[in-house]
Amino acid sequence: MEGGDAKQQSRNGRLRTLEDGRGTHRIEVGLDAPREGTTTTTGNKLHHEYQPDLMRVVASGTWRDLRTFVMTWTFVESAFRDTVTRTFEGPQMRFARSVNVNSLALDMPTLMGKLA
């Protein structure tokens, strides 16, 4: 999975994009208040293997410190709440994703990448 940012920013929100083998997925993340929308984001490994084509999501994000942006994605039609942490260290970025409940793993492997 590749993490990226769309070059779009709405009032008090930012559009986050992820790309994987299923395509490009978008989540609008509220910066000062949660944003509700829909997404096709892949989550089956953290969500008991459920993979609907479209999911309702409420997403918010905040800067924990100068290098760390933390997002919360609440999938409102299920029990799942994902925490996504993006940590920037020079030209590198770490992308970590975890979930509040699952019968298997609670965390995906952390991805490392370089900023373009």
N, C-alpha and C. Protein backbone atom coordinates (compact mmCIF):
# COMPACT_ATOMS: atom_id res chain seq x y z
N MET A 1 0.85 -1.16 0.00
CA MET A 1 0.00 0.00 0.00
C MET A 1 0.89 1.23 0.00
N GLU A 2 0.53 2.19 -0.75
CA GLU A 2 1.27 3.44 -0.78
C GLU A 2 0.41 4.52 -0.16
N GLY A 3 1.00 5.35 0.64
CA GLY A 3 0.29 6.47 1.25
C GLY A 3 0.65 7.75 0.54
N GLY A 4 -0.30 8.59 0.33
CA GLY A 4 -0.03 9.86 -0.32
C GLY A 4 -1.07 10.87 0.05
N ASP A 5 -0.86 12.07 -0.38
CA ASP A 5 -1.82 13.13 -0.15
C ASP A 5 -2.28 13.68 -1.48
N ALA A 6 -3.57 13.76 -1.64
CA ALA A 6 -4.08 14.45 -2.82
C ALA A 6 -3.72 15.92 -2.68
N LYS A 7 -3.62 16.61 -3.76
CA LYS A 7 -3.28 18.02 -3.73
C LYS A 7 -4.53 18.85 -3.53
N GLN A 8 -5.45 18.34 -2.72
CA GLN A 8 -6.69 19.05 -2.46
C GLN A 8 -6.85 19.27 -0.98
N GLN A 9 -7.23 20.47 -0.63
CA GLN A 9 -7.55 20.75 0.76
C GLN A 9 -8.86 21.50 0.78
N SER A 10 -9.80 20.97 1.55
CA SER A 10 -11.08 21.64 1.67
C SER A 10 -11.05 22.50 2.93
N ARG A 11 -12.05 23.27 3.15
CA ARG A 11 -12.11 24.09 4.35
C ARG A 11 -12.10 23.19 5.58
N ASN A 12 -11.10 23.36 6.44
CA ASN A 12 -10.95 22.61 7.68
C ASN A 12 -10.78 21.10 7.47
N GLY A 13 -10.30 20.69 6.29
CA GLY A 13 -10.09 19.27 6.05
C GLY A 13 -9.04 19.06 4.98
N ARG A 14 -8.61 17.83 4.87
CA ARG A 14 -7.62 17.46 3.87
C ARG A 14 -7.98 16.10 3.33
N LEU A 15 -7.86 15.94 2.03
CA LEU A 15 -8.17 14.69 1.37
C LEU A 15 -6.93 13.80 1.39
N ARG A 16 -7.03 12.63 2.00
CA ARG A 16 -5.94 11.66 2.06
C ARG A 16 -6.21 10.59 1.02
N THR A 17 -5.17 10.17 0.32
CA THR A 17 -5.33 9.11 -0.66
C THR A 17 -4.37 7.97 -0.33
N LEU A 18 -4.83 6.78 -0.58
CA LEU A 18 -4.03 5.57 -0.44
C LEU A 18 -4.19 4.79 -1.73
N GLU A 19 -3.12 4.11 -2.13
CA GLU A 19 -3.16 3.33 -3.35
C GLU A 19 -2.67 1.92 -3.05
N ASP A 20 -3.43 0.92 -3.51
CA ASP A 20 -3.03 -0.48 -3.34
C ASP A 20 -3.50 -1.27 -4.55
N GLY A 21 -3.45 -2.58 -4.45
CA GLY A 21 -3.84 -3.44 -5.57
C GLY A 21 -5.31 -3.32 -5.95
N ARG A 22 -6.15 -2.76 -5.08
CA ARG A 22 -7.57 -2.57 -5.37
C ARG A 22 -7.85 -1.21 -6.00
N GLY A 23 -6.86 -0.33 -6.07
CA GLY A 23 -7.07 0.99 -6.67
C GLY A 23 -6.66 2.12 -5.76
N THR A 24 -7.18 3.32 -6.06
CA THR A 24 -6.90 4.51 -5.28
C THR A 24 -8.09 4.79 -4.37
N HIS A 25 -7.81 5.03 -3.11
CA HIS A 25 -8.86 5.19 -2.09
C HIS A 25 -8.70 6.56 -1.42
N ARG A 26 -9.81 7.19 -1.11
CA ARG A 26 -9.79 8.53 -0.53
C ARG A 26 -10.56 8.59 0.78
N ILE A 27 -10.02 9.39 1.70
CA ILE A 27 -10.70 9.69 2.96
C ILE A 27 -10.49 11.17 3.24
N GLU A 28 -11.58 11.90 3.46
CA GLU A 28 -11.45 13.30 3.85
C GLU A 28 -11.32 13.37 5.36
N VAL A 29 -10.22 13.95 5.81
CA VAL A 29 -9.89 14.00 7.23
C VAL A 29 -10.11 15.41 7.75
N GLY A 30 -10.96 15.55 8.76
CA GLY A 30 -11.20 16.86 9.36
C GLY A 30 -10.04 17.26 10.26
N LEU A 31 -9.63 18.51 10.16
CA LEU A 31 -8.50 18.99 10.96
C LEU A 31 -8.94 19.64 12.26
N ASP A 32 -10.10 20.28 12.27
CA ASP A 32 -10.58 20.88 13.52
C ASP A 32 -11.89 20.27 13.99
N ALA A 33 -12.47 19.42 13.17
CA ALA A 33 -13.68 18.68 13.52
C ALA A 33 -13.74 17.45 12.62
N PRO A 34 -14.27 16.33 13.09
CA PRO A 34 -14.36 15.13 12.27
C PRO A 34 -15.18 15.39 11.00
N ARG A 35 -14.83 14.67 9.92
CA ARG A 35 -15.55 14.77 8.65
C ARG A 35 -16.17 13.42 8.33
N GLU A 36 -17.43 13.44 7.91
CA GLU A 36 -18.11 12.20 7.53
C GLU A 36 -18.13 12.10 6.02
N GLY A 37 -17.89 10.88 5.53
CA GLY A 37 -17.91 10.65 4.10
C GLY A 37 -17.97 9.15 3.83
N THR A 38 -17.57 8.78 2.63
CA THR A 38 -17.50 7.37 2.26
C THR A 38 -16.10 7.09 1.72
N THR A 39 -15.72 5.81 1.78
CA THR A 39 -14.41 5.41 1.29
C THR A 39 -14.45 3.97 0.79
N THR A 40 -13.50 3.66 -0.05
CA THR A 40 -13.29 2.30 -0.53
C THR A 40 -12.01 1.71 0.06
N THR A 41 -11.42 2.37 1.05
CA THR A 41 -10.15 1.98 1.63
C THR A 41 -10.12 0.52 2.05
N THR A 42 -9.06 -0.16 1.66
CA THR A 42 -8.87 -1.56 2.02
C THR A 42 -8.63 -1.68 3.51
N GLY A 43 -9.35 -2.58 4.17
CA GLY A 43 -9.18 -2.76 5.61
C GLY A 43 -9.43 -4.17 6.08
N ASN A 44 -9.60 -5.11 5.15
CA ASN A 44 -10.03 -6.45 5.54
C ASN A 44 -9.08 -7.16 6.50
N LYS A 45 -7.79 -6.93 6.43
CA LYS A 45 -6.85 -7.60 7.33
C LYS A 45 -7.04 -7.15 8.78
N LEU A 46 -7.56 -5.94 8.98
CA LEU A 46 -7.80 -5.44 10.33
C LEU A 46 -9.28 -5.50 10.72
N HIS A 47 -10.14 -5.87 9.80
CA HIS A 47 -11.59 -5.80 10.04
C HIS A 47 -12.25 -7.17 9.87
N HIS A 48 -11.73 -8.19 10.52
CA HIS A 48 -12.31 -9.55 10.47
C HIS A 48 -12.56 -10.03 9.04
N GLU A 49 -11.74 -9.58 8.11
CA GLU A 49 -11.83 -9.94 6.69
C GLU A 49 -13.03 -9.33 5.97
N TYR A 50 -13.76 -8.41 6.61
CA TYR A 50 -14.85 -7.71 5.92
C TYR A 50 -14.24 -6.73 4.93
N GLN A 51 -14.80 -6.68 3.71
CA GLN A 51 -14.30 -5.74 2.71
C GLN A 51 -15.46 -5.25 1.83
N PRO A 52 -16.35 -4.41 2.38
CA PRO A 52 -17.42 -3.86 1.55
C PRO A 52 -16.83 -2.97 0.45
N ASP A 53 -17.58 -2.83 -0.63
CA ASP A 53 -17.13 -1.96 -1.72
C ASP A 53 -17.08 -0.50 -1.30
N LEU A 54 -17.98 -0.09 -0.42
CA LEU A 54 -18.05 1.30 0.03
C LEU A 54 -18.41 1.31 1.51
N MET A 55 -17.68 2.13 2.29
CA MET A 55 -17.93 2.20 3.73
C MET A 55 -18.10 3.66 4.14
N ARG A 56 -19.02 3.90 5.08
CA ARG A 56 -19.15 5.23 5.68
C ARG A 56 -18.05 5.38 6.71
N VAL A 57 -17.43 6.56 6.74
CA VAL A 57 -16.32 6.79 7.66
C VAL A 57 -16.40 8.21 8.21
N VAL A 58 -16.05 8.36 9.47
CA VAL A 58 -15.87 9.67 10.10
C VAL A 58 -14.38 9.75 10.43
N ALA A 59 -13.71 10.78 9.91
CA ALA A 59 -12.26 10.85 10.04
C ALA A 59 -11.83 12.20 10.59
N SER A 60 -10.84 12.14 11.48
CA SER A 60 -10.25 13.36 12.02
C SER A 60 -8.75 13.16 12.14
N GLY A 61 -8.02 14.27 12.22
CA GLY A 61 -6.57 14.18 12.34
C GLY A 61 -6.02 15.35 13.12
N THR A 62 -4.89 15.10 13.76
CA THR A 62 -4.24 16.15 14.53
C THR A 62 -2.73 15.90 14.55
N TRP A 63 -1.98 16.98 14.68
CA TRP A 63 -0.54 16.87 14.81
C TRP A 63 -0.21 16.60 16.27
N ARG A 64 0.40 15.45 16.56
CA ARG A 64 0.83 15.09 17.92
C ARG A 64 2.07 15.90 18.30
N ASP A 65 2.96 16.09 17.33
CA ASP A 65 4.15 16.92 17.51
C ASP A 65 4.57 17.39 16.12
N LEU A 66 5.73 17.99 15.99
CA LEU A 66 6.15 18.56 14.71
C LEU A 66 6.36 17.52 13.62
N ARG A 67 6.54 16.25 13.98
CA ARG A 67 6.83 15.20 12.99
C ARG A 67 5.73 14.17 12.85
N THR A 68 4.71 14.19 13.73
CA THR A 68 3.77 13.08 13.80
C THR A 68 2.33 13.55 13.60
N PHE A 69 1.68 13.05 12.54
CA PHE A 69 0.28 13.34 12.26
C PHE A 69 -0.52 12.07 12.53
N VAL A 70 -1.53 12.15 13.40
CA VAL A 70 -2.33 10.99 13.79
C VAL A 70 -3.77 11.17 13.32
N MET A 71 -4.27 10.17 12.60
CA MET A 71 -5.65 10.20 12.11
C MET A 71 -6.46 9.10 12.78
N THR A 72 -7.74 9.36 13.02
CA THR A 72 -8.68 8.36 13.50
C THR A 72 -9.76 8.20 12.45
N TRP A 73 -9.94 6.98 11.98
CA TRP A 73 -10.96 6.65 11.00
C TRP A 73 -12.00 5.75 11.68
N THR A 74 -13.20 6.24 11.89
CA THR A 74 -14.26 5.46 12.51
C THR A 74 -15.23 5.00 11.43
N PHE A 75 -15.34 3.70 11.26
CA PHE A 75 -16.23 3.12 10.25
C PHE A 75 -17.58 2.93 10.93
N VAL A 76 -18.49 3.84 10.67
CA VAL A 76 -19.70 4.00 11.48
C VAL A 76 -20.71 2.85 11.37
N GLU A 77 -20.60 2.05 10.35
CA GLU A 77 -21.54 0.93 10.20
C GLU A 77 -20.94 -0.37 10.73
N SER A 78 -19.85 -0.24 11.47
CA SER A 78 -19.19 -1.41 12.06
C SER A 78 -18.61 -1.01 13.42
N ALA A 79 -17.89 -1.94 14.03
CA ALA A 79 -17.28 -1.67 15.33
C ALA A 79 -15.83 -1.17 15.19
N PHE A 80 -15.38 -0.95 13.96
CA PHE A 80 -13.96 -0.69 13.74
C PHE A 80 -13.60 0.79 13.77
N ARG A 81 -12.51 1.06 14.50
CA ARG A 81 -11.93 2.40 14.55
C ARG A 81 -10.43 2.24 14.33
N ASP A 82 -9.95 2.74 13.21
CA ASP A 82 -8.53 2.64 12.87
C ASP A 82 -7.79 3.89 13.30
N THR A 83 -6.56 3.69 13.75
CA THR A 83 -5.66 4.80 14.04
C THR A 83 -4.51 4.70 13.04
N VAL A 84 -4.28 5.79 12.33
CA VAL A 84 -3.22 5.86 11.33
C VAL A 84 -2.23 6.93 11.78
N THR A 85 -0.98 6.54 11.91
CA THR A 85 0.06 7.46 12.36
C THR A 85 1.10 7.61 11.25
N ARG A 86 1.31 8.87 10.87
CA ARG A 86 2.33 9.19 9.86
C ARG A 86 3.42 9.98 10.55
N THR A 87 4.64 9.44 10.52
CA THR A 87 5.77 10.08 11.17
C THR A 87 6.79 10.47 10.10
N PHE A 88 7.17 11.72 10.11
CA PHE A 88 8.11 12.27 9.12
C PHE A 88 9.47 12.46 9.77
N GLU A 89 10.51 11.87 9.16
CA GLU A 89 11.87 11.99 9.65
C GLU A 89 12.75 12.34 8.46
N GLY A 90 13.05 13.63 8.31
CA GLY A 90 13.81 14.06 7.13
C GLY A 90 13.03 13.70 5.88
N PRO A 91 13.68 13.04 4.91
CA PRO A 91 12.98 12.68 3.67
C PRO A 91 12.16 11.39 3.79
N GLN A 92 12.15 10.77 4.97
CA GLN A 92 11.44 9.51 5.12
C GLN A 92 10.14 9.68 5.89
N MET A 93 9.21 8.76 5.61
CA MET A 93 7.93 8.76 6.30
C MET A 93 7.60 7.33 6.71
N ARG A 94 7.07 7.18 7.93
CA ARG A 94 6.54 5.90 8.41
C ARG A 94 5.02 6.00 8.43
N PHE A 95 4.36 4.93 8.00
CA PHE A 95 2.91 4.85 7.94
C PHE A 95 2.49 3.63 8.75
N ALA A 96 1.87 3.86 9.91
CA ALA A 96 1.44 2.76 10.77
C ALA A 96 -0.08 2.80 10.90
N ARG A 97 -0.71 1.63 10.84
CA ARG A 97 -2.17 1.55 10.94
C ARG A 97 -2.55 0.44 11.92
N SER A 98 -3.47 0.76 12.82
CA SER A 98 -3.94 -0.23 13.80
C SER A 98 -5.45 -0.10 13.94
N VAL A 99 -6.06 -1.07 14.62
CA VAL A 99 -7.51 -1.10 14.79
C VAL A 99 -7.83 -1.37 16.26
N ASN A 100 -9.01 -0.95 16.69
CA ASN A 100 -9.41 -1.11 18.09
C ASN A 100 -9.78 -2.54 18.46
N VAL A 101 -10.29 -3.34 17.52
CA VAL A 101 -10.73 -4.70 17.83
C VAL A 101 -10.58 -5.57 16.57
N ASN A 102 -10.14 -6.82 16.78
CA ASN A 102 -10.01 -7.75 15.67
C ASN A 102 -9.76 -9.13 16.26
N SER A 103 -10.16 -10.19 15.57
CA SER A 103 -9.90 -11.54 16.04
C SER A 103 -8.48 -11.99 15.70
N LEU A 104 -7.82 -11.26 14.81
CA LEU A 104 -6.44 -11.56 14.44
C LEU A 104 -5.56 -10.37 14.82
N ALA A 105 -4.71 -9.93 13.93
CA ALA A 105 -3.76 -8.84 14.21
C ALA A 105 -4.49 -7.52 14.44
N LEU A 106 -3.94 -6.72 15.36
CA LEU A 106 -4.47 -5.37 15.62
C LEU A 106 -3.67 -4.30 14.89
N ASP A 107 -2.53 -4.68 14.33
CA ASP A 107 -1.66 -3.72 13.63
C ASP A 107 -1.24 -4.29 12.28
N MET A 108 -1.15 -3.41 11.30
CA MET A 108 -0.56 -3.77 10.02
C MET A 108 0.94 -3.50 10.12
N PRO A 109 1.76 -4.16 9.31
CA PRO A 109 3.18 -3.84 9.31
C PRO A 109 3.38 -2.36 8.96
N THR A 110 4.31 -1.72 9.65
CA THR A 110 4.60 -0.31 9.37
C THR A 110 5.29 -0.19 8.03
N LEU A 111 4.79 0.74 7.22
CA LEU A 111 5.38 0.99 5.90
C LEU A 111 6.38 2.13 6.00
N MET A 112 7.45 2.04 5.27
CA MET A 112 8.46 3.10 5.20
C MET A 112 8.51 3.60 3.76
N GLY A 113 8.69 4.90 3.62
CA GLY A 113 8.78 5.48 2.30
C GLY A 113 9.60 6.75 2.31
N LYS A 114 9.93 7.23 1.13
CA LYS A 114 10.65 8.48 0.99
C LYS A 114 9.73 9.51 0.37
N LEU A 115 9.80 10.72 0.86
CA LEU A 115 9.00 11.81 0.32
C LEU A 115 9.59 12.23 -1.02
N ALA A 116 8.71 12.48 -1.96
CA ALA A 116 9.16 12.88 -3.30
C ALA A 116 9.45 14.37 -3.34
